[in-house]
N, C-alpha and C. Protein backbone atom coordinates (compact mmCIF):
# COMPACT_ATOMS: atom_id res chain seq x y z
N MET A 1 17.50 6.00 43.19
CA MET A 1 17.33 6.66 41.90
C MET A 1 15.88 6.47 41.45
N ASN A 2 15.28 7.55 41.02
CA ASN A 2 13.91 7.48 40.54
C ASN A 2 13.84 6.71 39.23
N SER A 3 12.65 6.35 38.84
CA SER A 3 12.49 5.58 37.61
C SER A 3 12.65 6.47 36.37
N TRP A 4 12.87 5.83 35.25
CA TRP A 4 13.00 6.52 33.98
C TRP A 4 11.68 7.16 33.62
N GLN A 5 11.75 8.28 32.91
CA GLN A 5 10.55 9.02 32.52
C GLN A 5 10.39 8.98 31.01
N SER A 6 9.15 9.20 30.55
CA SER A 6 8.89 9.17 29.11
C SER A 6 9.55 10.37 28.43
N MET A 7 9.94 10.19 27.17
CA MET A 7 10.63 11.24 26.44
C MET A 7 9.75 12.46 26.21
N GLY A 8 8.45 12.31 26.25
CA GLY A 8 7.57 13.45 26.06
C GLY A 8 7.72 14.51 27.15
N SER A 9 8.25 14.12 28.30
CA SER A 9 8.43 15.06 29.41
C SER A 9 9.89 15.53 29.55
N ALA A 10 10.76 15.14 28.63
CA ALA A 10 12.19 15.47 28.75
C ALA A 10 12.46 16.95 28.53
N PRO A 11 13.28 17.56 29.39
CA PRO A 11 13.65 18.96 29.18
C PRO A 11 14.60 19.09 27.99
N THR A 12 14.45 20.14 27.23
CA THR A 12 15.30 20.33 26.05
C THR A 12 16.32 21.45 26.25
N ASP A 13 16.44 21.96 27.48
CA ASP A 13 17.33 23.08 27.73
C ASP A 13 18.53 22.75 28.60
N LYS A 14 18.78 21.44 28.84
CA LYS A 14 19.92 21.06 29.68
C LYS A 14 20.30 19.61 29.40
N PRO A 15 21.53 19.21 29.75
CA PRO A 15 21.92 17.80 29.59
C PRO A 15 21.13 16.90 30.54
N ILE A 16 20.82 15.70 30.07
CA ILE A 16 20.11 14.70 30.87
C ILE A 16 20.68 13.32 30.56
N LEU A 17 20.30 12.34 31.36
CA LEU A 17 20.65 10.95 31.06
C LEU A 17 19.61 10.41 30.08
N LEU A 18 20.09 9.68 29.08
CA LEU A 18 19.20 9.07 28.10
C LEU A 18 19.34 7.55 28.12
N ASN A 19 18.24 6.87 27.96
CA ASN A 19 18.24 5.43 27.70
C ASN A 19 18.04 5.29 26.20
N VAL A 20 19.10 4.88 25.51
CA VAL A 20 19.02 4.72 24.04
C VAL A 20 19.08 3.25 23.65
N GLY A 21 18.90 2.35 24.63
CA GLY A 21 18.89 0.93 24.34
C GLY A 21 20.17 0.19 24.69
N TYR A 22 21.20 0.93 25.13
CA TYR A 22 22.43 0.27 25.59
C TYR A 22 22.20 -0.26 27.00
N PRO A 23 23.09 -1.12 27.49
CA PRO A 23 22.96 -1.57 28.88
C PRO A 23 23.42 -0.50 29.88
N TRP A 24 23.77 0.70 29.40
CA TRP A 24 24.19 1.81 30.26
C TRP A 24 23.51 3.08 29.77
N ALA A 25 23.44 4.08 30.64
CA ALA A 25 22.87 5.37 30.27
C ALA A 25 23.94 6.23 29.60
N VAL A 26 23.50 7.17 28.78
CA VAL A 26 24.41 8.13 28.14
C VAL A 26 23.93 9.54 28.47
N ILE A 27 24.84 10.50 28.45
CA ILE A 27 24.47 11.90 28.66
C ILE A 27 24.14 12.50 27.31
N GLY A 28 22.99 13.13 27.23
CA GLY A 28 22.58 13.72 25.97
C GLY A 28 21.90 15.05 26.17
N GLN A 29 21.67 15.73 25.06
CA GLN A 29 20.96 17.01 25.08
C GLN A 29 20.24 17.18 23.75
N TRP A 30 19.14 17.92 23.80
CA TRP A 30 18.37 18.20 22.59
C TRP A 30 19.19 19.07 21.66
N ASN A 31 19.24 18.71 20.39
CA ASN A 31 19.94 19.47 19.37
C ASN A 31 18.88 20.13 18.50
N GLU A 32 18.68 21.42 18.69
CA GLU A 32 17.63 22.15 17.99
C GLU A 32 17.83 22.11 16.48
N ALA A 33 19.07 22.28 16.02
CA ALA A 33 19.36 22.31 14.58
C ALA A 33 18.98 20.99 13.90
N GLU A 34 19.23 19.86 14.58
CA GLU A 34 18.93 18.55 14.01
C GLU A 34 17.52 18.06 14.36
N GLN A 35 16.88 18.76 15.32
CA GLN A 35 15.58 18.32 15.82
C GLN A 35 15.66 16.87 16.29
N ALA A 36 16.71 16.60 17.08
CA ALA A 36 16.96 15.24 17.57
C ALA A 36 17.81 15.32 18.84
N TRP A 37 17.86 14.22 19.56
CA TRP A 37 18.72 14.12 20.74
C TRP A 37 20.13 13.76 20.30
N THR A 38 21.12 14.41 20.89
CA THR A 38 22.52 14.15 20.58
C THR A 38 23.20 13.65 21.85
N TYR A 39 24.07 12.67 21.70
CA TYR A 39 24.82 12.16 22.86
C TYR A 39 26.19 11.69 22.40
N ALA A 40 27.10 11.58 23.36
CA ALA A 40 28.44 11.10 23.08
C ALA A 40 28.52 9.62 23.44
N ASN A 41 29.04 8.83 22.53
CA ASN A 41 29.15 7.39 22.73
C ASN A 41 30.63 7.03 22.78
N LEU A 42 31.07 6.43 23.89
CA LEU A 42 32.47 6.05 24.04
C LEU A 42 32.78 4.83 23.19
N GLN A 43 33.84 4.92 22.40
CA GLN A 43 34.32 3.81 21.58
C GLN A 43 35.70 3.39 22.08
N ALA A 44 36.04 2.14 21.94
CA ALA A 44 37.35 1.64 22.34
C ALA A 44 37.76 0.51 21.40
N GLN A 45 39.05 0.49 21.09
CA GLN A 45 39.57 -0.55 20.21
C GLN A 45 40.95 -0.95 20.68
N LYS A 46 41.19 -2.25 20.78
CA LYS A 46 42.50 -2.75 21.16
C LYS A 46 43.41 -2.68 19.94
N MET A 47 44.57 -2.07 20.13
CA MET A 47 45.53 -1.88 19.04
C MET A 47 46.46 -3.10 18.96
N GLU A 48 47.20 -3.22 17.87
CA GLU A 48 48.15 -4.32 17.71
C GLU A 48 49.21 -4.32 18.80
N THR A 49 49.53 -3.16 19.34
CA THR A 49 50.52 -3.03 20.42
C THR A 49 49.99 -3.54 21.75
N GLY A 50 48.70 -3.80 21.83
CA GLY A 50 48.08 -4.21 23.08
C GLY A 50 47.44 -3.05 23.83
N ASP A 51 47.77 -1.81 23.43
CA ASP A 51 47.15 -0.64 24.04
C ASP A 51 45.69 -0.55 23.58
N VAL A 52 44.91 0.17 24.36
CA VAL A 52 43.52 0.40 23.99
C VAL A 52 43.36 1.87 23.62
N ASP A 53 42.86 2.12 22.43
CA ASP A 53 42.60 3.47 21.95
C ASP A 53 41.13 3.79 22.22
N CYS A 54 40.87 4.91 22.91
CA CYS A 54 39.50 5.32 23.24
C CYS A 54 39.20 6.66 22.59
N TRP A 55 37.94 6.84 22.15
CA TRP A 55 37.50 8.11 21.59
C TRP A 55 35.99 8.21 21.73
N TRP A 56 35.50 9.42 21.56
CA TRP A 56 34.07 9.68 21.64
C TRP A 56 33.51 9.92 20.25
N GLU A 57 32.35 9.39 19.98
CA GLU A 57 31.63 9.65 18.74
C GLU A 57 30.30 10.30 19.10
N ASN A 58 29.96 11.36 18.38
CA ASN A 58 28.65 11.98 18.57
C ASN A 58 27.61 11.16 17.83
N GLU A 59 26.50 10.92 18.49
CA GLU A 59 25.40 10.17 17.91
C GLU A 59 24.15 11.04 17.93
N ILE A 60 23.29 10.84 16.98
CA ILE A 60 22.01 11.54 16.94
C ILE A 60 20.91 10.48 16.96
N ASP A 61 19.96 10.67 17.86
CA ASP A 61 18.88 9.70 18.03
C ASP A 61 17.56 10.46 18.10
N LYS A 62 16.68 10.21 17.17
CA LYS A 62 15.41 10.91 17.16
C LYS A 62 14.41 10.29 18.14
N LYS A 63 14.66 9.08 18.62
CA LYS A 63 13.69 8.43 19.50
C LYS A 63 14.35 7.65 20.63
N PRO A 64 15.00 8.33 21.59
CA PRO A 64 15.48 7.61 22.78
C PRO A 64 14.30 6.96 23.51
N LEU A 65 14.58 5.98 24.32
CA LEU A 65 13.52 5.24 25.01
C LEU A 65 12.98 5.96 26.23
N ALA A 66 13.88 6.64 26.99
CA ALA A 66 13.47 7.29 28.23
C ALA A 66 14.57 8.24 28.68
N TRP A 67 14.26 9.04 29.71
CA TRP A 67 15.25 9.98 30.22
C TRP A 67 15.20 10.02 31.73
N HIS A 68 16.28 10.61 32.31
CA HIS A 68 16.40 10.75 33.75
C HIS A 68 17.25 11.98 34.03
N GLU A 69 16.97 12.67 35.14
CA GLU A 69 17.81 13.80 35.56
C GLU A 69 19.23 13.32 35.84
N LEU A 70 20.20 14.19 35.63
CA LEU A 70 21.58 13.87 36.02
C LEU A 70 21.64 13.85 37.56
N PRO A 71 22.43 12.96 38.13
CA PRO A 71 22.53 12.92 39.59
C PRO A 71 23.25 14.16 40.14
N GLU A 72 22.93 14.53 41.35
CA GLU A 72 23.62 15.64 42.04
C GLU A 72 25.05 15.21 42.35
N VAL A 73 25.98 16.14 42.22
CA VAL A 73 27.39 15.84 42.58
C VAL A 73 27.84 16.70 43.73
């Protein structure tokens, strides 16, 4: 995998991997209306029943740390 690239070179017309400071990468895309990067952040919470409830929250970040192309599948 190539190294992370500066946000100044990030494409704004397709989804990419973002480094937003988590220990993992997130998939994000430029949001023209917000003039910011948008990504989905997985949330999880253990319920009283012992089950785990998972959901996605949309996040907006005006200054991600770096970006990377999505891997080929």
